[in-house]
C-alpha atoms as a PDB file:
ATOM      1  CA  MET A   1      -0.132  -0.063   0.140  1.00  0.00           C
ATOM      2  CA  ARG A   2       1.545   3.309  -1.078  1.00  0.00           C
ATOM      3  CA  VAL A   3       0.331   5.345   1.521  1.00  0.00           C
ATOM      4  CA  ILE A   4       1.942   3.082   4.205  1.00  0.00           C
ATOM      5  CA  ASP A   5       4.968   3.191   2.436  1.00  0.00           C
ATOM      6  CA  GLU A   6       4.912   6.858   2.313  1.00  0.00           C
ATOM      7  CA  PHE A   7       3.967   7.287   5.743  1.00  0.00           C
ATOM      8  CA  ALA A   8       6.612   4.906   6.964  1.00  0.00           C
ATOM      9  CA  ALA A   9       9.378   7.069   4.878  1.00  0.00           C
ATOM     10  CA  GLU A  10       8.079  10.404   6.383  1.00  0.00           C
ATOM     11  CA  SER A  11       8.116   9.092  10.078  1.00  0.00           C
ATOM     12  CA  ARG A  12      11.406   7.003   9.923  1.00  0.00           C
ATOM     13  CA  GLY A  13      12.886   7.158  13.412  1.00  0.00           C
ATOM     14  CA  LYS A  14       9.681   8.501  15.165  1.00  0.00           C
ATOM     15  CA  ILE A  15       7.597   5.410  14.493  1.00  0.00           C
ATOM     16  CA  ARG A  16       8.319   1.808  13.537  1.00  0.00           C
ATOM     17  CA  VAL A  17       5.987   0.686  10.567  1.00  0.00           C
ATOM     18  CA  GLY A  18       5.722  -3.040   9.566  1.00  0.00           C
ATOM     19  CA  LYS A  19       3.424  -4.886   7.031  1.00  0.00           C
ATOM     20  CA  LEU A  20       2.152  -8.267   7.424  1.00  0.00           C
ATOM     21  CA  ASN A  21       0.774 -10.896   4.819  1.00  0.00           C
ATOM     22  CA  VAL A  22      -2.345 -12.095   6.137  1.00  0.00           C
ATOM     23  CA  ASP A  23      -2.395 -15.109   3.644  1.00  0.00           C
ATOM     24  CA  LYS A  24       1.117 -16.076   4.934  1.00  0.00           C
ATOM     25  CA  SER A  25       0.421 -15.300   8.865  1.00  0.00           C
ATOM     26  CA  PRO A  26      -3.171 -16.896   9.355  1.00  0.00           C
ATOM     27  CA  ASN A  27      -2.357 -17.186  13.084  1.00  0.00           C
ATOM     28  CA  ILE A  28      -1.583 -13.568  13.697  1.00  0.00           C
ATOM     29  CA  SER A  29      -4.526 -12.680  11.478  1.00  0.00           C
ATOM     30  CA  ALA A  30      -6.862 -14.969  13.864  1.00  0.00           C
ATOM     31  CA  LYS A  31      -5.106 -13.368  16.949  1.00  0.00           C
ATOM     32  CA  TYR A  32      -6.353  -9.758  16.003  1.00  0.00           C
ATOM     33  CA  THR A  33      -9.326 -10.747  14.213  1.00  0.00           C
ATOM     34  CA  ILE A  34      -8.336  -9.131  11.150  1.00  0.00           C
ATOM     35  CA  ARG A  35     -11.680  -9.143   8.870  1.00  0.00           C
ATOM     36  CA  SER A  36     -10.412  -6.333   6.186  1.00  0.00           C
ATOM     37  CA  VAL A  37      -7.498  -5.462   4.424  1.00  0.00           C
ATOM     38  CA  PRO A  38      -5.725  -3.242   4.950  1.00  0.00           C
ATOM     39  CA  THR A  39      -6.164  -2.886   8.660  1.00  0.00           C
ATOM     40  CA  LEU A  40      -3.738  -0.708  10.554  1.00  0.00           C
ATOM     41  CA  PHE A  41      -2.824  -1.569  14.279  1.00  0.00           C
ATOM     42  CA  VAL A  42      -1.031   1.019  16.629  1.00  0.00           C
ATOM     43  CA  PHE A  43       0.667  -0.772  19.434  1.00  0.00           C
ATOM     44  CA  ASP A  44       2.745   1.133  22.248  1.00  0.00           C
ATOM     45  CA  ASN A  45       5.002  -0.872  24.318  1.00  0.00           C
ATOM     46  CA  ALA A  46       3.516  -4.208  22.820  1.00  0.00           C
ATOM     47  CA  ALA A  47      -0.086  -3.020  23.852  1.00  0.00           C
ATOM     48  CA  LEU A  48      -2.510  -2.444  21.145  1.00  0.00           C
ATOM     49  CA  LYS A  49      -3.697   1.000  21.451  1.00  0.00           C
ATOM     50  CA  GLU A  50      -5.890   1.610  18.191  1.00  0.00           C
ATOM     51  CA  SER A  51      -7.044  -0.200  14.993  1.00  0.00           C
ATOM     52  CA  PHE A  52      -8.045   1.288  11.818  1.00  0.00           C
ATOM     53  CA  PRO A  53      -9.935  -1.102   9.329  1.00  0.00           C
ATOM     54  CA  GLY A  54     -10.200  -0.311   5.626  1.00  0.00           C
ATOM     55  CA  ALA A  55      -8.132   2.050   3.342  1.00  0.00           C
ATOM     56  CA  ILE A  56      -7.187   5.174   4.483  1.00  0.00           C
ATOM     57  CA  LYS A  57      -6.048   8.590   3.012  1.00  0.00           C
ATOM     58  CA  LYS A  58      -2.898   9.585   3.738  1.00  0.00           C
ATOM     59  CA  GLN A  59      -3.676  12.995   5.281  1.00  0.00           C
ATOM     60  CA  ASP A  60      -6.082  11.136   7.333  1.00  0.00           C
ATOM     61  CA  LEU A  61      -3.634   8.827   8.353  1.00  0.00           C
ATOM     62  CA  MET A  62      -1.297  11.489   9.377  1.00  0.00           C
ATOM     63  CA  MET A  63      -3.695  13.083  11.655  1.00  0.00           C
ATOM     64  CA  LYS A  64      -4.609   9.737  13.218  1.00  0.00           C
ATOM     65  CA  MET A  65      -1.139   9.172  14.131  1.00  0.00           C
ATOM     66  CA  GLY A  66       0.002  12.705  14.978  1.00  0.00           C
ATOM     67  CA  ARG A  67      -0.411  11.936  18.868  1.00  0.00           C
ATOM     68  CA  TYR A  68       2.184   9.043  18.338  1.00  0.00           C
ATOM     69  CA  LEU A  69       4.670  11.001  16.698  1.00  0.00           C
END
């Protein structure tokens, strides 16, 4: 997803961004009950803080993630 890649590049050093292939990781998909792709998860010190299911515009992503930057 281009939006995630751009966000990752712009927030490098501030936030760690990773991507997961749900087809190749069914256990993780089940653990977090991923029902739509894409779904974004925000973790802080290994604790799930928020999730955002569905596609999101870059500007909206930047606003939602602003509190973590």
